[in-house]
C-alpha atoms as a PDB file:
ATOM      1  CA  MET A   1     100.546 142.585  85.148  1.00  0.00           C
ATOM      2  CA  THR A   2     102.208 139.325  86.169  1.00  0.00           C
ATOM      3  CA  ASP A   3     103.068 136.425  83.864  1.00  0.00           C
ATOM      4  CA  SER A   4     100.572 134.215  85.560  1.00  0.00           C
ATOM      5  CA  SER A   5      97.691 136.311  84.227  1.00  0.00           C
ATOM      6  CA  VAL A   6      98.974 135.901  80.700  1.00  0.00           C
ATOM      7  CA  THR A   7      99.708 132.224  80.820  1.00  0.00           C
ATOM      8  CA  SER A   8      96.358 131.412  82.380  1.00  0.00           C
ATOM      9  CA  ASP A   9      94.633 132.337  79.118  1.00  0.00           C
ATOM     10  CA  ARG A  10      96.748 130.014  77.045  1.00  0.00           C
ATOM     11  CA  PRO A  11      95.169 126.744  75.973  1.00  0.00           C
ATOM     12  CA  VAL A  12      96.530 123.668  77.601  1.00  0.00           C
ATOM     13  CA  ALA A  13      97.646 120.998  75.129  1.00  0.00           C
ATOM     14  CA  THR A  14      95.938 117.713  75.896  1.00  0.00           C
ATOM     15  CA  GLY A  15      96.165 115.975  72.536  1.00  0.00           C
ATOM     16  CA  PRO A  16      98.172 112.882  71.845  1.00  0.00           C
ATOM     17  CA  GLY A  17     101.003 114.986  70.354  1.00  0.00           C
ATOM     18  CA  SER A  18     101.434 117.074  73.496  1.00  0.00           C
ATOM     19  CA  LYS A  19     104.578 116.571  75.575  1.00  0.00           C
ATOM     20  CA  GLY A  20     103.201 118.136  78.706  1.00  0.00           C
ATOM     21  CA  SER A  21     102.160 116.331  81.834  1.00  0.00           C
ATOM     22  CA  GLY A  22      98.465 116.612  80.784  1.00  0.00           C
ATOM     23  CA  SER A  23      98.942 114.731  77.566  1.00  0.00           C
ATOM     24  CA  ILE A  24      97.205 111.414  77.184  1.00  0.00           C
ATOM     25  CA  GLY A  25      99.637 109.840  74.787  1.00  0.00           C
ATOM     26  CA  SER A  26     103.401 109.953  74.864  1.00  0.00           C
ATOM     27  CA  GLY A  27     105.077 111.841  71.995  1.00  0.00           C
ATOM     28  CA  SER A  28     103.396 111.678  68.591  1.00  0.00           C
ATOM     29  CA  LYS A  29     102.158 108.120  69.044  1.00  0.00           C
ATOM     30  CA  GLY A  30      98.438 107.684  69.650  1.00  0.00           C
ATOM     31  CA  ALA A  31      96.727 105.346  72.105  1.00  0.00           C
ATOM     32  CA  THR A  32      97.181 101.624  71.441  1.00  0.00           C
ATOM     33  CA  PRO A  33      94.016 100.234  69.779  1.00  0.00           C
ATOM     34  CA  PRO A  34      92.286  97.347  71.538  1.00  0.00           C
ATOM     35  CA  PRO A  35      93.362  93.937  70.288  1.00  0.00           C
ATOM     36  CA  ASP A  36      91.093  92.232  67.769  1.00  0.00           C
ATOM     37  CA  GLU A  37      88.847  89.472  69.018  1.00  0.00           C
ATOM     38  CA  SER A  38      90.164  86.002  68.481  1.00  0.00           C
ATOM     39  CA  PRO A  39      88.689  83.925  65.624  1.00  0.00           C
ATOM     40  CA  ALA A  40      87.295  81.504  68.173  1.00  0.00           C
ATOM     41  CA  LYS A  41      85.222  84.252  69.819  1.00  0.00           C
ATOM     42  CA  LYS A  42      83.970  85.461  66.442  1.00  0.00           C
ATOM     43  CA  SER A  43      82.931  82.002  65.313  1.00  0.00           C
ATOM     44  CA  SER A  44      81.298  81.015  68.602  1.00  0.00           C
ATOM     45  CA  PRO A  45      77.953  82.803  67.952  1.00  0.00           C
ATOM     46  CA  ARG A  46      77.848  81.308  64.487  1.00  0.00           C
ATOM     47  CA  VAL A  47      78.341  77.816  65.855  1.00  0.00           C
ATOM     48  CA  VAL A  48      75.614  78.346  68.437  1.00  0.00           C
ATOM     49  CA  ALA A  49      73.245  79.671  65.778  1.00  0.00           C
ATOM     50  CA  TRP A  50      73.996  76.733  63.493  1.00  0.00           C
ATOM     51  CA  ILE A  51      73.383  74.228  66.293  1.00  0.00           C
ATOM     52  CA  SER A  52      70.146  75.990  67.208  1.00  0.00           C
ATOM     53  CA  LYS A  53      68.982  75.851  63.595  1.00  0.00           C
ATOM     54  CA  TYR A  54      70.110  72.399  62.515  1.00  0.00           C
ATOM     55  CA  GLY A  55      70.897  70.550  65.737  1.00  0.00           C
ATOM     56  CA  VAL A  56      67.590  68.671  65.823  1.00  0.00           C
ATOM     57  CA  TYR A  57      68.200  67.282  62.339  1.00  0.00           C
ATOM     58  CA  VAL A  58      71.743  66.243  63.205  1.00  0.00           C
ATOM     59  CA  ALA A  59      70.444  64.504  66.324  1.00  0.00           C
ATOM     60  CA  LEU A  60      67.879  62.594  64.278  1.00  0.00           C
ATOM     61  CA  VAL A  61      70.513  61.455  61.770  1.00  0.00           C
ATOM     62  CA  VAL A  62      72.876  60.393  64.560  1.00  0.00           C
ATOM     63  CA  LEU A  63      70.092  58.491  66.286  1.00  0.00           C
ATOM     64  CA  PHE A  64      69.183  56.713  63.036  1.00  0.00           C
ATOM     65  CA  LEU A  65      72.804  55.761  62.391  1.00  0.00           C
ATOM     66  CA  LEU A  66      73.192  54.514  65.951  1.00  0.00           C
ATOM     67  CA  ASN A  67      70.084  52.348  65.668  1.00  0.00           C
ATOM     68  CA  MET A  68      71.243  51.037  62.303  1.00  0.00           C
ATOM     69  CA  ALA A  69      74.511  49.950  63.923  1.00  0.00           C
ATOM     70  CA  ILE A  70      73.179  48.337  67.100  1.00  0.00           C
ATOM     71  CA  THR A  71      69.585  47.312  66.281  1.00  0.00           C
ATOM     72  CA  ASP A  72      68.866  44.318  64.096  1.00  0.00           C
ATOM     73  CA  HIS A  73      66.364  44.827  61.274  1.00  0.00           C
ATOM     74  CA  PHE A  74      66.033  48.514  62.127  1.00  0.00           C
ATOM     75  CA  MET A  75      65.942  49.719  58.512  1.00  0.00           C
ATOM     76  CA  THR A  76      63.429  47.145  57.352  1.00  0.00           C
ATOM     77  CA  ALA A  77      60.189  48.390  55.821  1.00  0.00           C
ATOM     78  CA  SER A  78      58.073  46.742  58.514  1.00  0.00           C
ATOM     79  CA  ASN A  79      59.992  48.421  61.330  1.00  0.00           C
ATOM     80  CA  LEU A  80      59.922  51.862  59.713  1.00  0.00           C
ATOM     81  CA  ARG A  81      56.194  51.447  59.117  1.00  0.00           C
ATOM     82  CA  LEU A  82      55.740  50.575  62.794  1.00  0.00           C
ATOM     83  CA  GLN A  83      57.750  53.647  63.811  1.00  0.00           C
ATOM     84  CA  LEU A  84      55.465  55.872  61.750  1.00  0.00           C
ATOM     85  CA  ILE A  85      52.356  54.294  63.259  1.00  0.00           C
ATOM     86  CA  GLN A  86      53.672  54.758  66.806  1.00  0.00           C
ATOM     87  CA  THR A  87      54.734  58.348  66.177  1.00  0.00           C
ATOM     88  CA  ALA A  88      51.551  59.547  64.443  1.00  0.00           C
ATOM     89  CA  PRO A  89      49.439  60.085  67.619  1.00  0.00           C
ATOM     90  CA  THR A  90      52.233  62.067  69.277  1.00  0.00           C
ATOM     91  CA  LEU A  91      52.681  64.256  66.219  1.00  0.00           C
ATOM     92  CA  ILE A  92      48.945  64.932  65.939  1.00  0.00           C
ATOM     93  CA  VAL A  93      48.813  66.091  69.556  1.00  0.00           C
ATOM     94  CA  ALA A  94      52.023  68.087  69.079  1.00  0.00           C
ATOM     95  CA  MET A  95      50.398  70.091  66.274  1.00  0.00           C
ATOM     96  CA  GLY A  96      47.719  71.367  68.640  1.00  0.00           C
ATOM     97  CA  MET A  97      50.189  71.803  71.481  1.00  0.00           C
ATOM     98  CA  ALA A  98      52.417  73.957  69.260  1.00  0.00           C
ATOM     99  CA  MET A  99      49.522  76.323  68.621  1.00  0.00           C
ATOM    100  CA  VAL A 100      48.776  76.566  72.337  1.00  0.00           C
ATOM    101  CA  ILE A 101      52.417  77.211  73.218  1.00  0.00           C
ATOM    102  CA  GLY A 102      52.486  79.792  70.423  1.00  0.00           C
ATOM    103  CA  THR A 103      50.018  81.849  72.486  1.00  0.00           C
ATOM    104  CA  GLN A 104      52.286  81.540  75.557  1.00  0.00           C
ATOM    105  CA  GLY A 105      50.035  78.847  76.980  1.00  0.00           C
ATOM    106  CA  ILE A 106      50.337  75.173  77.844  1.00  0.00           C
ATOM    107  CA  ASP A 107      47.871  72.291  77.858  1.00  0.00           C
ATOM    108  CA  LEU A 108      48.338  69.450  80.310  1.00  0.00           C
ATOM    109  CA  SER A 109      44.951  67.903  79.557  1.00  0.00           C
ATOM    110  CA  VAL A 110      45.726  66.333  76.173  1.00  0.00           C
ATOM    111  CA  GLY A 111      46.281  62.841  77.597  1.00  0.00           C
ATOM    112  CA  ALA A 112      43.064  62.957  79.597  1.00  0.00           C
ATOM    113  CA  VAL A 113      41.130  64.174  76.538  1.00  0.00           C
ATOM    114  CA  MET A 114      42.543  61.228  74.584  1.00  0.00           C
ATOM    115  CA  ALA A 115      41.313  58.836  77.267  1.00  0.00           C
ATOM    116  CA  LEU A 116      37.892  60.501  77.447  1.00  0.00           C
ATOM    117  CA  SER A 117      37.308  60.363  73.681  1.00  0.00           C
ATOM    118  CA  ALA A 118      38.461  56.743  73.549  1.00  0.00           C
ATOM    119  CA  ALA A 119      36.075  55.917  76.403  1.00  0.00           C
ATOM    120  CA  VAL A 120      33.112  57.571  74.682  1.00  0.00           C
ATOM    121  CA  VAL A 121      33.514  55.929  71.269  1.00  0.00           C
ATOM    122  CA  PRO A 122      32.504  52.358  72.316  1.00  0.00           C
ATOM    123  CA  LEU A 123      29.253  53.676  73.773  1.00  0.00           C
ATOM    124  CA  TYR A 124      28.028  54.900  70.379  1.00  0.00           C
ATOM    125  CA  ILE A 125      29.331  52.209  68.035  1.00  0.00           C
ATOM    126  CA  GLY A 126      25.749  51.004  67.663  1.00  0.00           C
ATOM    127  CA  TYR A 127      24.927  54.219  65.806  1.00  0.00           C
ATOM    128  CA  GLY A 128      27.647  53.553  63.238  1.00  0.00           C
ATOM    129  CA  SER A 129      31.374  54.136  62.981  1.00  0.00           C
ATOM    130  CA  ALA A 130      31.063  57.697  61.733  1.00  0.00           C
ATOM    131  CA  ALA A 131      28.658  58.718  64.504  1.00  0.00           C
ATOM    132  CA  ALA A 132      30.860  57.187  67.207  1.00  0.00           C
ATOM    133  CA  ILE A 133      33.964  58.938  65.871  1.00  0.00           C
ATOM    134  CA  LEU A 134      32.191  62.283  65.561  1.00  0.00           C
ATOM    135  CA  ILE A 135      30.858  62.076  69.113  1.00  0.00           C
ATOM    136  CA  GLY A 136      34.349  61.239  70.388  1.00  0.00           C
ATOM    137  CA  LEU A 137      35.729  64.259  68.540  1.00  0.00           C
ATOM    138  CA  LEU A 138      32.920  66.411  69.917  1.00  0.00           C
ATOM    139  CA  PHE A 139      33.909  65.508  73.470  1.00  0.00           C
ATOM    140  CA  GLY A 140      37.447  66.588  72.687  1.00  0.00           C
ATOM    141  CA  VAL A 141      36.267  69.940  71.318  1.00  0.00           C
ATOM    142  CA  LEU A 142      34.097  70.511  74.394  1.00  0.00           C
ATOM    143  CA  CYS A 143      37.046  69.811  76.683  1.00  0.00           C
ATOM    144  CA  GLY A 144      39.175  72.227  74.699  1.00  0.00           C
ATOM    145  CA  LEU A 145      36.482  74.903  74.813  1.00  0.00           C
ATOM    146  CA  PHE A 146      36.183  74.488  78.573  1.00  0.00           C
ATOM    147  CA  ALA A 147      39.934  74.853  79.020  1.00  0.00           C
ATOM    148  CA  GLY A 148      39.929  77.880  76.728  1.00  0.00           C
ATOM    149  CA  PHE A 149      37.036  79.386  78.682  1.00  0.00           C
ATOM    150  CA  LEU A 150      38.996  79.051  81.922  1.00  0.00           C
ATOM    151  CA  VAL A 151      42.011  80.732  80.328  1.00  0.00           C
ATOM    152  CA  ALA A 152      40.403  83.425  78.169  1.00  0.00           C
ATOM    153  CA  VAL A 153      37.297  84.356  80.181  1.00  0.00           C
ATOM    154  CA  VAL A 154      37.916  83.348  83.795  1.00  0.00           C
ATOM    155  CA  GLY A 155      41.553  84.417  83.553  1.00  0.00           C
ATOM    156  CA  LEU A 156      43.220  81.367  85.073  1.00  0.00           C
ATOM    157  CA  GLN A 157      46.800  80.548  84.205  1.00  0.00           C
ATOM    158  CA  PRO A 158      46.881  77.943  81.407  1.00  0.00           C
ATOM    159  CA  ILE A 159      48.778  75.431  83.517  1.00  0.00           C
ATOM    160  CA  VAL A 160      46.170  75.668  86.298  1.00  0.00           C
ATOM    161  CA  ALA A 161      43.190  75.562  83.962  1.00  0.00           C
ATOM    162  CA  THR A 162      44.409  72.598  81.943  1.00  0.00           C
ATOM    163  CA  LEU A 163      45.554  70.753  85.058  1.00  0.00           C
ATOM    164  CA  SER A 164      41.983  70.863  86.342  1.00  0.00           C
ATOM    165  CA  VAL A 165      40.705  69.580  82.991  1.00  0.00           C
ATOM    166  CA  MET A 166      43.323  66.824  83.072  1.00  0.00           C
ATOM    167  CA  ILE A 167      42.212  65.595  86.479  1.00  0.00           C
ATOM    168  CA  GLY A 168      38.511  65.894  85.721  1.00  0.00           C
ATOM    169  CA  GLY A 169      38.780  64.415  82.236  1.00  0.00           C
ATOM    170  CA  ARG A 170      40.698  61.348  83.349  1.00  0.00           C
ATOM    171  CA  GLY A 171      38.248  60.768  86.183  1.00  0.00           C
ATOM    172  CA  LEU A 172      35.261  61.173  83.873  1.00  0.00           C
ATOM    173  CA  ALA A 173      36.810  58.695  81.435  1.00  0.00           C
ATOM    174  CA  ASN A 174      37.094  56.141  84.238  1.00  0.00           C
ATOM    175  CA  VAL A 175      33.483  56.750  85.247  1.00  0.00           C
ATOM    176  CA  ILE A 176      32.195  56.391  81.669  1.00  0.00           C
ATOM    177  CA  ALA A 177      34.228  53.350  80.700  1.00  0.00           C
ATOM    178  CA  GLY A 178      34.496  51.660  84.075  1.00  0.00           C
ATOM    179  CA  SER A 179      36.979  49.158  82.678  1.00  0.00           C
ATOM    180  CA  ILE A 180      38.643  48.196  79.427  1.00  0.00           C
ATOM    181  CA  LYS A 181      36.186  48.200  76.513  1.00  0.00           C
ATOM    182  CA  THR A 182      36.833  46.134  73.414  1.00  0.00           C
ATOM    183  CA  ILE A 183      36.409  47.817  70.032  1.00  0.00           C
ATOM    184  CA  ASN A 184      35.451  45.429  67.226  1.00  0.00           C
ATOM    185  CA  ASP A 185      33.865  47.823  64.766  1.00  0.00           C
ATOM    186  CA  PRO A 186      35.672  47.377  61.402  1.00  0.00           C
ATOM    187  CA  GLY A 187      35.352  51.045  60.454  1.00  0.00           C
ATOM    188  CA  ILE A 188      37.027  52.259  63.633  1.00  0.00           C
ATOM    189  CA  VAL A 189      39.637  49.517  63.765  1.00  0.00           C
ATOM    190  CA  ALA A 190      40.654  50.389  60.209  1.00  0.00           C
ATOM    191  CA  MET A 191      41.860  53.815  61.393  1.00  0.00           C
ATOM    192  CA  GLY A 192      44.626  52.181  63.369  1.00  0.00           C
ATOM    193  CA  THR A 193      45.373  48.997  61.444  1.00  0.00           C
ATOM    194  CA  GLU A 194      44.543  49.362  57.742  1.00  0.00           C
ATOM    195  CA  SER A 195      46.516  51.061  54.970  1.00  0.00           C
ATOM    196  CA  LEU A 196      45.932  52.858  51.691  1.00  0.00           C
ATOM    197  CA  LEU A 197      48.527  52.121  48.989  1.00  0.00           C
ATOM    198  CA  GLY A 198      50.864  50.854  51.672  1.00  0.00           C
ATOM    199  CA  MET A 199      50.498  53.963  53.861  1.00  0.00           C
ATOM    200  CA  PRO A 200      48.705  53.432  57.208  1.00  0.00           C
ATOM    201  CA  TYR A 201      45.523  55.427  57.644  1.00  0.00           C
ATOM    202  CA  SER A 202      46.818  56.871  60.902  1.00  0.00           C
ATOM    203  CA  VAL A 203      49.870  58.279  59.107  1.00  0.00           C
ATOM    204  CA  LEU A 204      47.687  59.708  56.336  1.00  0.00           C
ATOM    205  CA  ILE A 205      45.477  61.377  58.949  1.00  0.00           C
ATOM    206  CA  CYS A 206      48.599  62.776  60.580  1.00  0.00           C
ATOM    207  CA  ILE A 207      49.782  64.242  57.265  1.00  0.00           C
ATOM    208  CA  VAL A 208      46.381  65.879  56.730  1.00  0.00           C
ATOM    209  CA  VAL A 209      46.524  67.401  60.227  1.00  0.00           C
ATOM    210  CA  VAL A 210      49.990  68.799  59.574  1.00  0.00           C
ATOM    211  CA  LEU A 211      48.872  70.372  56.285  1.00  0.00           C
ATOM    212  CA  VAL A 212      45.761  71.873  57.875  1.00  0.00           C
ATOM    213  CA  VAL A 213      47.735  73.423  60.735  1.00  0.00           C
ATOM    214  CA  ALA A 214      50.375  74.738  58.338  1.00  0.00           C
ATOM    215  CA  PHE A 215      47.653  76.377  56.237  1.00  0.00           C
ATOM    216  CA  LEU A 216      45.912  77.904  59.260  1.00  0.00           C
ATOM    217  CA  VAL A 217      49.106  79.384  60.599  1.00  0.00           C
ATOM    218  CA  ARG A 218      50.694  80.508  57.350  1.00  0.00           C
ATOM    219  CA  ARG A 219      47.780  81.580  55.174  1.00  0.00           C
ATOM    220  CA  THR A 220      45.014  82.874  57.413  1.00  0.00           C
ATOM    221  CA  THR A 221      44.312  85.867  59.610  1.00  0.00           C
ATOM    222  CA  PHE A 222      43.771  83.400  62.429  1.00  0.00           C
ATOM    223  CA  GLY A 223      47.442  82.442  62.250  1.00  0.00           C
ATOM    224  CA  LEU A 224      48.542  86.069  62.388  1.00  0.00           C
ATOM    225  CA  ASN A 225      46.290  86.717  65.375  1.00  0.00           C
ATOM    226  CA  LEU A 226      47.567  83.606  67.131  1.00  0.00           C
ATOM    227  CA  GLU A 227      51.149  84.698  66.685  1.00  0.00           C
ATOM    228  CA  SER A 228      50.337  88.266  67.697  1.00  0.00           C
ATOM    229  CA  ILE A 229      48.888  87.077  70.999  1.00  0.00           C
ATOM    230  CA  GLY A 230      52.077  85.188  71.719  1.00  0.00           C
ATOM    231  CA  ALA A 231      54.177  88.225  70.793  1.00  0.00           C
ATOM    232  CA  ASN A 232      52.324  90.919  72.724  1.00  0.00           C
ATOM    233  CA  GLN A 233      48.841  90.307  74.034  1.00  0.00           C
ATOM    234  CA  LEU A 234      48.225  93.906  75.087  1.00  0.00           C
ATOM    235  CA  ALA A 235      49.243  95.314  71.712  1.00  0.00           C
ATOM    236  CA  THR A 236      47.094  92.700  69.992  1.00  0.00           C
ATOM    237  CA  LYS A 237      44.103  93.714  72.093  1.00  0.00           C
ATOM    238  CA  LEU A 238      44.680  97.379  71.316  1.00  0.00           C
ATOM    239  CA  ALA A 239      44.844  96.476  67.622  1.00  0.00           C
ATOM    240  CA  GLY A 240      41.256  95.241  67.848  1.00  0.00           C
ATOM    241  CA  VAL A 241      41.844  91.482  67.845  1.00  0.00           C
ATOM    242  CA  ARG A 242      39.340  89.463  69.858  1.00  0.00           C
ATOM    243  CA  ILE A 243      41.837  87.622  72.014  1.00  0.00           C
ATOM    244  CA  GLY A 244      39.225  85.550  73.814  1.00  0.00           C
ATOM    245  CA  ALA A 245      37.808  84.158  70.577  1.00  0.00           C
ATOM    246  CA  VAL A 246      41.267  83.253  69.270  1.00  0.00           C
ATOM    247  CA  LEU A 247      42.224  81.489  72.496  1.00  0.00           C
ATOM    248  CA  LEU A 248      38.943  79.579  72.551  1.00  0.00           C
ATOM    249  CA  ALA A 249      39.561  78.434  68.983  1.00  0.00           C
ATOM    250  CA  VAL A 250      43.160  77.415  69.726  1.00  0.00           C
ATOM    251  CA  TYR A 251      42.227  75.291  72.734  1.00  0.00           C
ATOM    252  CA  ALA A 252      39.238  73.804  70.885  1.00  0.00           C
ATOM    253  CA  ILE A 253      41.499  72.765  67.997  1.00  0.00           C
ATOM    254  CA  ASN A 254      43.944  71.287  70.458  1.00  0.00           C
ATOM    255  CA  GLY A 255      41.120  69.309  72.064  1.00  0.00           C
ATOM    256  CA  LEU A 256      39.990  68.116  68.635  1.00  0.00           C
ATOM    257  CA  PHE A 257      43.461  66.832  67.766  1.00  0.00           C
ATOM    258  CA  SER A 258      43.804  65.163  71.171  1.00  0.00           C
ATOM    259  CA  ALA A 259      40.490  63.376  70.718  1.00  0.00           C
ATOM    260  CA  LEU A 260      41.492  62.277  67.219  1.00  0.00           C
ATOM    261  CA  SER A 261      44.754  60.899  68.566  1.00  0.00           C
ATOM    262  CA  GLY A 262      42.931  59.026  71.327  1.00  0.00           C
ATOM    263  CA  ILE A 263      40.570  57.398  68.826  1.00  0.00           C
ATOM    264  CA  ILE A 264      43.514  56.330  66.656  1.00  0.00           C
ATOM    265  CA  VAL A 265      45.270  54.777  69.659  1.00  0.00           C
ATOM    266  CA  ALA A 266      42.099  52.933  70.679  1.00  0.00           C
ATOM    267  CA  ALA A 267      41.592  51.755  67.093  1.00  0.00           C
ATOM    268  CA  ARG A 268      45.153  50.430  66.868  1.00  0.00           C
ATOM    269  CA  THR A 269      44.904  48.508  70.148  1.00  0.00           C
ATOM    270  CA  GLN A 270      41.222  47.620  69.506  1.00  0.00           C
ATOM    271  CA  ALA A 271      40.491  48.496  73.117  1.00  0.00           C
ATOM    272  CA  SER A 272      39.676  51.532  75.207  1.00  0.00           C
ATOM    273  CA  ASP A 273      41.451  51.632  78.556  1.00  0.00           C
ATOM    274  CA  PRO A 274      40.819  54.932  80.415  1.00  0.00           C
ATOM    275  CA  LYS A 275      43.785  54.280  82.707  1.00  0.00           C
ATOM    276  CA  THR A 276      46.426  53.928  79.999  1.00  0.00           C
ATOM    277  CA  VAL A 277      45.223  55.715  76.847  1.00  0.00           C
ATOM    278  CA  GLY A 278      47.072  59.012  76.584  1.00  0.00           C
ATOM    279  CA  LEU A 279      49.018  58.444  79.797  1.00  0.00           C
ATOM    280  CA  LEU A 280      51.829  61.043  79.945  1.00  0.00           C
ATOM    281  CA  MET A 281      51.059  62.094  76.383  1.00  0.00           C
ATOM    282  CA  GLU A 282      51.275  65.719  77.493  1.00  0.00           C
ATOM    283  CA  MET A 283      54.954  65.174  78.291  1.00  0.00           C
ATOM    284  CA  ASP A 284      55.630  63.531  74.928  1.00  0.00           C
ATOM    285  CA  ALA A 285      53.822  66.290  73.041  1.00  0.00           C
ATOM    286  CA  ILE A 286      55.548  69.113  74.896  1.00  0.00           C
ATOM    287  CA  ALA A 287      58.926  67.444  74.370  1.00  0.00           C
ATOM    288  CA  ALA A 288      58.249  67.013  70.647  1.00  0.00           C
ATOM    289  CA  VAL A 289      57.200  70.658  70.324  1.00  0.00           C
ATOM    290  CA  VAL A 290      60.189  72.003  72.238  1.00  0.00           C
ATOM    291  CA  ILE A 291      62.667  69.741  70.442  1.00  0.00           C
ATOM    292  CA  GLY A 292      61.106  70.876  67.182  1.00  0.00           C
ATOM    293  CA  GLY A 293      61.846  74.509  68.007  1.00  0.00           C
ATOM    294  CA  THR A 294      58.669  75.984  69.468  1.00  0.00           C
ATOM    295  CA  SER A 295      59.340  78.294  72.376  1.00  0.00           C
ATOM    296  CA  GLU A 296      57.273  80.131  74.949  1.00  0.00           C
ATOM    297  CA  GLU A 297      59.273  83.281  74.267  1.00  0.00           C
ATOM    298  CA  PRO A 298      56.864  85.978  73.058  1.00  0.00           C
ATOM    299  CA  GLN A 299      58.381  86.347  69.596  1.00  0.00           C
ATOM    300  CA  ARG A 300      58.338  82.670  68.757  1.00  0.00           C
ATOM    301  CA  ALA A 301      55.122  81.121  67.549  1.00  0.00           C
ATOM    302  CA  VAL A 302      54.284  78.517  64.955  1.00  0.00           C
ATOM    303  CA  GLY A 303      54.558  77.884  61.256  1.00  0.00           C
ATOM    304  CA  PRO A 304      57.269  76.985  58.745  1.00  0.00           C
ATOM    305  CA  GLY A 305      58.653  78.966  55.899  1.00  0.00           C
ATOM    306  CA  HIS A 306      56.515  82.000  56.643  1.00  0.00           C
ATOM    307  CA  PRO A 307      57.672  85.595  56.156  1.00  0.00           C
ATOM    308  CA  ARG A 308      57.037  86.138  59.854  1.00  0.00           C
ATOM    309  CA  GLN A 309      58.251  82.708  60.899  1.00  0.00           C
ATOM    310  CA  GLY A 310      61.072  80.264  60.834  1.00  0.00           C
ATOM    311  CA  ARG A 311      61.163  76.683  59.685  1.00  0.00           C
ATOM    312  CA  HIS A 312      60.114  74.742  62.734  1.00  0.00           C
ATOM    313  CA  ARG A 313      56.926  73.049  61.630  1.00  0.00           C
ATOM    314  CA  THR A 314      59.360  70.605  60.021  1.00  0.00           C
ATOM    315  CA  GLY A 315      61.279  70.696  63.268  1.00  0.00           C
ATOM    316  CA  GLN A 316      58.227  69.461  65.125  1.00  0.00           C
ATOM    317  CA  HIS A 317      58.004  66.520  62.726  1.00  0.00           C
ATOM    318  CA  VAL A 318      61.608  65.729  63.581  1.00  0.00           C
ATOM    319  CA  GLY A 319      60.861  66.238  67.262  1.00  0.00           C
ATOM    320  CA  GLY A 320      58.092  63.671  66.990  1.00  0.00           C
ATOM    321  CA  ARG A 321      60.461  61.284  65.246  1.00  0.00           C
ATOM    322  CA  LEU A 322      63.046  61.760  67.986  1.00  0.00           C
ATOM    323  CA  GLN A 323      60.357  60.872  70.501  1.00  0.00           C
ATOM    324  CA  GLY A 324      59.668  57.694  68.541  1.00  0.00           C
ATOM    325  CA  GLU A 325      63.300  56.785  67.957  1.00  0.00           C
ATOM    326  CA  GLY A 326      64.221  57.375  71.576  1.00  0.00           C
ATOM    327  CA  HIS A 327      61.279  55.182  72.207  1.00  0.00           C
ATOM    328  CA  ARG A 328      59.283  55.652  73.003  1.00  0.00           C
ATOM    329  CA  PRO A 329      56.226  71.422  65.372  1.00  0.00           C
ATOM    330  CA  LEU A 330      58.752  77.688  65.185  1.00  0.00           C
ATOM    331  CA  ARG A 331      60.779  80.463  65.286  1.00  0.00           C
ATOM    332  CA  ALA A 332      59.345  83.832  64.495  1.00  0.00           C
ATOM    333  CA  GLY A 333      61.279  86.774  63.251  1.00  0.00           C
ATOM    334  CA  VAL A 334      60.227  90.387  63.685  1.00  0.00           C
ATOM    335  CA  HIS A 335      56.558  90.718  64.395  1.00  0.00           C
ATOM    336  CA  PRO A 336      54.751  93.819  63.121  1.00  0.00           C
ATOM    337  CA  VAL A 337      52.224  94.150  65.955  1.00  0.00           C
ATOM    338  CA  ARG A 338      54.833  93.703  68.673  1.00  0.00           C
ATOM    339  CA  ASP A 339      57.276  96.133  67.099  1.00  0.00           C
ATOM    340  CA  ARG A 340      54.641  98.806  66.558  1.00  0.00           C
ATOM    341  CA  ALA A 341      53.698  98.500  70.227  1.00  0.00           C
ATOM    342  CA  SER A 342      57.286  98.897  71.329  1.00  0.00           C
END
């Protein structure tokens, strides 16, 4: 028997302490550990997260300070009151837009719905202020239901469906109104010009809308279903949620808020102009929602301070203020339906 047959059965040392040619390390020293990441790299994600969370508030403060420095009489009570009045219609529309975007949709028809409701109101002033306002709101709900029908039942993409409503609604408003209509009814004009304890009615209406949306999203099954659709529509359908009914309700609410905003604008100007009321409001509302933190990513829907949500209903308020100051709300965490589906 040769030596080669004996040595072939011997184990070959490959550890770090081996001195043979097959050893990985040299001598008894192990491999050199990778260098630690620099503090700058470690802190970078934290900085990004902080900016993402608080950047909108910092921007608002900076914008206020800048206006205080360069704008005369900026911090006067009359100017701040005017800023609130100008911002209220945008914020009202943004509340409905946030719910639509929370379902991974978009609504480009909000400006046209504003114009249509403002065009309808003067036609029914003879029946009383309340009747005229209710009919204007009804038109907004019908427009929202039609857009929701196109999305939920027909299956059109939201941008296509609402674009058709935008074009048709603005044209119908021009046909109904024909030209600028003056609004002299005291009850309607009061919505845009009068105050209660120093607070304009339009701002009070805006606060009520914000509270109603916050309650719907945070405290009701409707809010959970809305957020589930945005997270995973297939899983939501398999869970037994009637997706079509939820989408119809979301777009109807958005149409209602758009109509309410259009009536407030017409009341403040005491005129209904179908060519200018709500013009480019869809851009202002989308910008306010996005600045406030709402995203079309599936896991991000609406609602502040919720166990399933982040804090961006307040962010949408700030987004609306940034829209006003530049002159002119939602982050979700882990979602149970989506995670069960995955």
